[in-house]
PDB file of all heavy atoms in Angstrom:
ATOM      1  N   GLU A   1      -6.969  15.703 -17.563  1.00  0.00           N
ATOM      2  CA  GLU A   1      -6.367  15.639 -16.278  1.00  0.00           C
ATOM      3  C   GLU A   1      -7.301  15.023 -15.196  1.00  0.00           C
ATOM      4  O   GLU A   1      -6.780  14.211 -14.350  1.00  0.00           O
ATOM      5  CB  GLU A   1      -5.977  17.036 -15.767  1.00  0.00           C
ATOM      6  CG  GLU A   1      -5.061  17.082 -14.512  1.00  0.00           C
ATOM      7  CD  GLU A   1      -3.788  16.294 -14.653  1.00  0.00           C
ATOM      8  OE1 GLU A   1      -3.259  16.250 -15.817  1.00  0.00           O
ATOM      9  OE2 GLU A   1      -3.302  15.805 -13.644  1.00  0.00           O
ATOM     10  N   PHE A   2      -8.508  15.260 -15.161  1.00  0.00           N
ATOM     11  CA  PHE A   2      -9.400  14.767 -14.154  1.00  0.00           C
ATOM     12  C   PHE A   2      -9.586  13.268 -14.275  1.00  0.00           C
ATOM     13  O   PHE A   2      -9.636  12.405 -13.385  1.00  0.00           O
ATOM     14  CB  PHE A   2     -10.756  15.365 -14.323  1.00  0.00           C
ATOM     15  CG  PHE A   2     -11.732  14.912 -15.361  1.00  0.00           C
ATOM     16  CD1 PHE A   2     -12.680  13.893 -15.230  1.00  0.00           C
ATOM     17  CD2 PHE A   2     -11.601  15.515 -16.672  1.00  0.00           C
ATOM     18  CE1 PHE A   2     -13.389  13.347 -16.223  1.00  0.00           C
ATOM     19  CE2 PHE A   2     -12.375  15.116 -17.674  1.00  0.00           C
ATOM     20  CZ  PHE A   2     -13.353  14.055 -17.495  1.00  0.00           C
ATOM     21  N   ALA A   3      -9.574  12.779 -15.691  1.00  0.00           N
ATOM     22  CA  ALA A   3      -9.562  11.385 -15.907  1.00  0.00           C
ATOM     23  C   ALA A   3      -8.333  10.706 -15.458  1.00  0.00           C
ATOM     24  O   ALA A   3      -8.413   9.595 -14.900  1.00  0.00           O
ATOM     25  CB  ALA A   3      -9.971  11.160 -17.384  1.00  0.00           C
ATOM     26  N   TRP A   4      -7.159  11.299 -15.715  1.00  0.00           N
ATOM     27  CA  TRP A   4      -5.904  10.752 -15.174  1.00  0.00           C
ATOM     28  C   TRP A   4      -5.956  10.589 -13.680  1.00  0.00           C
ATOM     29  O   TRP A   4      -5.393   9.546 -13.236  1.00  0.00           O
ATOM     30  CB  TRP A   4      -4.697  11.544 -15.724  1.00  0.00           C
ATOM     31  CG  TRP A   4      -3.499  10.943 -15.306  1.00  0.00           C
ATOM     32  CD1 TRP A   4      -2.661  11.410 -14.343  1.00  0.00           C
ATOM     33  CD2 TRP A   4      -2.786   9.953 -16.018  1.00  0.00           C
ATOM     34  NE1 TRP A   4      -1.543  10.634 -14.175  1.00  0.00           N
ATOM     35  CE2 TRP A   4      -1.525   9.638 -15.324  1.00  0.00           C
ATOM     36  CE3 TRP A   4      -3.089   8.993 -17.063  1.00  0.00           C
ATOM     37  CZ2 TRP A   4      -0.705   8.749 -15.620  1.00  0.00           C
ATOM     38  CZ3 TRP A   4      -2.172   8.101 -17.369  1.00  0.00           C
ATOM     39  CH2 TRP A   4      -1.066   7.907 -16.685  1.00  0.00           C
ATOM     40  N   MET A   5      -6.520  11.540 -12.994  1.00  0.00           N
ATOM     41  CA  MET A   5      -6.397  11.558 -11.496  1.00  0.00           C
ATOM     42  C   MET A   5      -7.298  10.268 -11.120  1.00  0.00           C
ATOM     43  O   MET A   5      -6.945   9.569 -10.125  1.00  0.00           O
ATOM     44  CB  MET A   5      -6.991  12.829 -10.987  1.00  0.00           C
ATOM     45  CG  MET A   5      -5.994  13.951 -11.157  1.00  0.00           C
ATOM     46  SD  MET A   5      -6.760  15.507 -10.511  1.00  0.00           S
ATOM     47  CE  MET A   5      -6.885  15.142  -8.728  1.00  0.00           C
ATOM     48  N   VAL A   6      -8.456  10.112 -11.689  1.00  0.00           N
ATOM     49  CA  VAL A   6      -9.365   8.969 -11.320  1.00  0.00           C
ATOM     50  C   VAL A   6      -8.584   7.619 -11.742  1.00  0.00           C
ATOM     51  O   VAL A   6      -8.721   6.651 -10.903  1.00  0.00           O
ATOM     52  CB  VAL A   6     -10.641   8.954 -12.122  1.00  0.00           C
ATOM     53  CG1 VAL A   6     -11.530   7.838 -11.920  1.00  0.00           C
ATOM     54  CG2 VAL A   6     -11.394  10.220 -11.722  1.00  0.00           C
ATOM     55  N   LEU A   7      -7.883   7.632 -12.819  1.00  0.00           N
ATOM     56  CA  LEU A   7      -7.169   6.387 -13.262  1.00  0.00           C
ATOM     57  C   LEU A   7      -6.093   6.083 -12.206  1.00  0.00           C
ATOM     58  O   LEU A   7      -5.912   4.956 -11.830  1.00  0.00           O
ATOM     59  CB  LEU A   7      -6.563   6.696 -14.669  1.00  0.00           C
ATOM     60  CG  LEU A   7      -5.856   5.398 -15.352  1.00  0.00           C
ATOM     61  CD1 LEU A   7      -6.984   4.506 -15.780  1.00  0.00           C
ATOM     62  CD2 LEU A   7      -5.072   5.877 -16.577  1.00  0.00           C
ATOM     63  N   GLU A   8      -5.392   7.025 -11.760  1.00  0.00           N
ATOM     64  CA  GLU A   8      -4.298   6.922 -10.829  1.00  0.00           C
ATOM     65  C   GLU A   8      -4.819   6.399  -9.407  1.00  0.00           C
ATOM     66  O   GLU A   8      -4.312   5.443  -8.848  1.00  0.00           O
ATOM     67  CB  GLU A   8      -3.544   8.269 -10.572  1.00  0.00           C
ATOM     68  CG  GLU A   8      -2.520   8.489 -11.629  1.00  0.00           C
ATOM     69  CD  GLU A   8      -1.610   9.675 -11.166  1.00  0.00           C
ATOM     70  OE1 GLU A   8      -2.135  10.701 -10.621  1.00  0.00           O
ATOM     71  OE2 GLU A   8      -0.431   9.555 -11.276  1.00  0.00           O
ATOM     72  N   MET A   9      -5.925   7.107  -9.060  1.00  0.00           N
ATOM     73  CA  MET A   9      -6.573   6.570  -7.641  1.00  0.00           C
ATOM     74  C   MET A   9      -7.027   5.087  -7.777  1.00  0.00           C
ATOM     75  O   MET A   9      -6.838   4.355  -6.845  1.00  0.00           O
ATOM     76  CB  MET A   9      -7.630   7.391  -7.288  1.00  0.00           C
ATOM     77  CG  MET A   9      -7.299   8.830  -6.966  1.00  0.00           C
ATOM     78  SD  MET A   9      -8.541   9.895  -6.248  1.00  0.00           S
ATOM     79  CE  MET A   9      -9.494  10.224  -7.685  1.00  0.00           C
ATOM     80  N   ILE A  10      -7.685   4.797  -8.841  1.00  0.00           N
ATOM     81  CA  ILE A  10      -8.134   3.339  -8.975  1.00  0.00           C
ATOM     82  C   ILE A  10      -7.054   2.339  -9.080  1.00  0.00           C
ATOM     83  O   ILE A  10      -6.821   1.358  -8.484  1.00  0.00           O
ATOM     84  CB  ILE A  10      -9.107   3.225 -10.182  1.00  0.00           C
ATOM     85  CG1 ILE A  10     -10.383   4.118  -9.982  1.00  0.00           C
ATOM     86  CG2 ILE A  10      -9.532   1.710 -10.412  1.00  0.00           C
ATOM     87  CD1 ILE A  10     -11.229   4.039 -11.089  1.00  0.00           C
ATOM     88  N   GLY A  11      -5.969   2.737  -9.941  1.00  0.00           N
ATOM     89  CA  GLY A  11      -4.701   1.875 -10.177  1.00  0.00           C
ATOM     90  C   GLY A  11      -3.981   1.652  -8.868  1.00  0.00           C
ATOM     91  O   GLY A  11      -3.537   0.547  -8.698  1.00  0.00           O
ATOM     92  N   ASN A  12      -3.857   2.711  -8.139  1.00  0.00           N
ATOM     93  CA  ASN A  12      -3.170   2.532  -6.914  1.00  0.00           C
ATOM     94  C   ASN A  12      -3.887   1.559  -5.872  1.00  0.00           C
ATOM     95  O   ASN A  12      -3.058   1.237  -4.962  1.00  0.00           O
ATOM     96  CB  ASN A  12      -2.952   3.943  -6.224  1.00  0.00           C
ATOM     97  CG  ASN A  12      -1.954   4.846  -6.937  1.00  0.00           C
ATOM     98  OD1 ASN A  12      -1.200   4.365  -7.732  1.00  0.00           O
ATOM     99  ND2 ASN A  12      -2.151   6.164  -6.794  1.00  0.00           N
ATOM    100  N   CYS A  13      -4.937   1.421  -6.002  1.00  0.00           N
ATOM    101  CA  CYS A  13      -5.727   0.341  -5.169  1.00  0.00           C
ATOM    102  C   CYS A  13      -5.506  -1.014  -5.351  1.00  0.00           C
ATOM    103  O   CYS A  13      -5.706  -1.975  -4.621  1.00  0.00           O
ATOM    104  CB  CYS A  13      -7.250   0.756  -5.119  1.00  0.00           C
ATOM    105  SG  CYS A  13      -7.786   2.238  -4.494  1.00  0.00           S
ATOM    106  N   SER A  14      -5.032  -1.335  -6.734  1.00  0.00           N
ATOM    107  CA  SER A  14      -5.109  -2.714  -7.243  1.00  0.00           C
ATOM    108  C   SER A  14      -4.240  -3.498  -6.420  1.00  0.00           C
ATOM    109  O   SER A  14      -4.620  -4.750  -6.000  1.00  0.00           O
ATOM    110  CB  SER A  14      -4.752  -2.662  -8.643  1.00  0.00           C
ATOM    111  OG  SER A  14      -3.426  -2.216  -8.968  1.00  0.00           O
ATOM    112  N   ILE A  15      -2.953  -3.304  -6.326  1.00  0.00           N
ATOM    113  CA  ILE A  15      -2.052  -4.171  -5.685  1.00  0.00           C
ATOM    114  C   ILE A  15      -2.221  -4.439  -4.175  1.00  0.00           C
ATOM    115  O   ILE A  15      -2.385  -5.612  -3.782  1.00  0.00           O
ATOM    116  CB  ILE A  15      -0.569  -3.751  -5.850  1.00  0.00           C
ATOM    117  CG1 ILE A  15      -0.164  -3.551  -7.282  1.00  0.00           C
ATOM    118  CG2 ILE A  15       0.405  -4.572  -5.046  1.00  0.00           C
ATOM    119  CD1 ILE A  15      -0.189  -4.779  -8.015  1.00  0.00           C
ATOM    120  N   PRO A  16      -2.605  -3.454  -3.406  1.00  0.00           N
ATOM    121  CA  PRO A  16      -2.934  -3.754  -1.968  1.00  0.00           C
ATOM    122  C   PRO A  16      -4.174  -4.545  -1.720  1.00  0.00           C
ATOM    123  O   PRO A  16      -4.165  -5.426  -0.967  1.00  0.00           O
ATOM    124  CB  PRO A  16      -3.122  -2.308  -1.343  1.00  0.00           C
ATOM    125  CG  PRO A  16      -2.265  -1.276  -2.243  1.00  0.00           C
ATOM    126  CD  PRO A  16      -2.427  -1.970  -3.626  1.00  0.00           C
ATOM    127  N   ILE A  17      -5.214  -4.182  -2.509  1.00  0.00           N
ATOM    128  CA  ILE A  17      -6.449  -4.935  -2.435  1.00  0.00           C
ATOM    129  C   ILE A  17      -6.300  -6.422  -2.862  1.00  0.00           C
ATOM    130  O   ILE A  17      -6.730  -7.345  -2.187  1.00  0.00           O
ATOM    131  CB  ILE A  17      -7.587  -4.366  -3.136  1.00  0.00           C
ATOM    132  CG1 ILE A  17      -7.894  -2.959  -2.484  1.00  0.00           C
ATOM    133  CG2 ILE A  17      -8.790  -5.280  -3.285  1.00  0.00           C
ATOM    134  CD1 ILE A  17      -9.073  -2.298  -3.178  1.00  0.00           C
ATOM    135  N   ALA A  18      -5.540  -6.630  -3.967  1.00  0.00           N
ATOM    136  CA  ALA A  18      -5.227  -8.061  -4.455  1.00  0.00           C
ATOM    137  C   ALA A  18      -4.398  -8.819  -3.475  1.00  0.00           C
ATOM    138  O   ALA A  18      -4.617  -9.952  -3.309  1.00  0.00           O
ATOM    139  CB  ALA A  18      -4.353  -7.932  -5.851  1.00  0.00           C
ATOM    140  N   LEU A  19      -3.392  -8.185  -2.803  1.00  0.00           N
ATOM    141  CA  LEU A  19      -2.586  -8.870  -1.827  1.00  0.00           C
ATOM    142  C   LEU A  19      -3.385  -9.236  -0.639  1.00  0.00           C
ATOM    143  O   LEU A  19      -3.197 -10.338  -0.039  1.00  0.00           O
ATOM    144  CB  LEU A  19      -1.342  -8.053  -1.537  1.00  0.00           C
ATOM    145  CG  LEU A  19      -0.224  -7.969  -2.510  1.00  0.00           C
ATOM    146  CD1 LEU A  19       0.874  -6.989  -2.033  1.00  0.00           C
ATOM    147  CD2 LEU A  19       0.474  -9.338  -2.787  1.00  0.00           C
ATOM    148  N   LEU A  20      -4.228  -8.439  -0.213  1.00  0.00           N
ATOM    149  CA  LEU A  20      -5.228  -8.664   0.916  1.00  0.00           C
ATOM    150  C   LEU A  20      -6.110  -9.831   0.571  1.00  0.00           C
ATOM    151  O   LEU A  20      -6.293 -10.845   1.305  1.00  0.00           O
ATOM    152  CB  LEU A  20      -6.092  -7.512   1.239  1.00  0.00           C
ATOM    153  CG  LEU A  20      -5.417  -6.339   1.997  1.00  0.00           C
ATOM    154  CD1 LEU A  20      -6.358  -5.192   2.061  1.00  0.00           C
ATOM    155  CD2 LEU A  20      -4.945  -6.732   3.275  1.00  0.00           C
ATOM    156  N   MET A  21      -6.681  -9.915  -0.673  1.00  0.00           N
ATOM    157  CA  MET A  21      -7.383 -11.113  -1.082  1.00  0.00           C
ATOM    158  C   MET A  21      -6.656 -12.428  -1.299  1.00  0.00           C
ATOM    159  O   MET A  21      -7.162 -13.388  -0.905  1.00  0.00           O
ATOM    160  CB  MET A  21      -8.208 -10.708  -2.422  1.00  0.00           C
ATOM    161  CG  MET A  21      -9.146  -9.692  -2.313  1.00  0.00           C
ATOM    162  SD  MET A  21     -10.473 -10.033  -1.103  1.00  0.00           S
ATOM    163  CE  MET A  21     -11.057 -11.613  -1.745  1.00  0.00           C
ATOM    164  N   ILE A  22      -5.430 -12.270  -1.710  1.00  0.00           N
ATOM    165  CA  ILE A  22      -4.510 -13.469  -1.767  1.00  0.00           C
ATOM    166  C   ILE A  22      -4.261 -13.967  -0.384  1.00  0.00           C
ATOM    167  O   ILE A  22      -4.233 -15.172  -0.093  1.00  0.00           O
ATOM    168  CB  ILE A  22      -3.252 -13.060  -2.482  1.00  0.00           C
ATOM    169  CG1 ILE A  22      -3.498 -12.916  -3.963  1.00  0.00           C
ATOM    170  CG2 ILE A  22      -2.193 -14.286  -2.319  1.00  0.00           C
ATOM    171  CD1 ILE A  22      -2.321 -12.311  -4.738  1.00  0.00           C
ATOM    172  N   GLY A  23      -3.979 -13.147   0.564  1.00  0.00           N
ATOM    173  CA  GLY A  23      -3.774 -13.405   1.973  1.00  0.00           C
ATOM    174  C   GLY A  23      -4.947 -14.207   2.574  1.00  0.00           C
ATOM    175  O   GLY A  23      -4.931 -15.199   3.315  1.00  0.00           O
ATOM    176  N   ALA A  24      -6.118 -13.790   2.242  1.00  0.00           N
ATOM    177  CA  ALA A  24      -7.306 -14.261   2.701  1.00  0.00           C
ATOM    178  C   ALA A  24      -7.473 -15.715   2.171  1.00  0.00           C
ATOM    179  O   ALA A  24      -7.911 -16.596   2.832  1.00  0.00           O
ATOM    180  CB  ALA A  24      -8.571 -13.358   2.461  1.00  0.00           C
ATOM    181  N   SER A  25      -7.209 -15.742   0.855  1.00  0.00           N
ATOM    182  CA  SER A  25      -7.434 -17.159   0.151  1.00  0.00           C
ATOM    183  C   SER A  25      -6.296 -18.099   0.760  1.00  0.00           C
ATOM    184  O   SER A  25      -6.646 -19.295   0.969  1.00  0.00           O
ATOM    185  CB  SER A  25      -7.171 -16.993  -1.340  1.00  0.00           C
ATOM    186  OG  SER A  25      -8.119 -16.076  -1.977  1.00  0.00           O
TER     187      SER A  25
END
């Protein structure tokens, strides 16, 4: 369960950060 929580937190960051980087590019 602790590993799944970490996985979720990291995964939830991916799309917002990627879109911010695409916007910067």
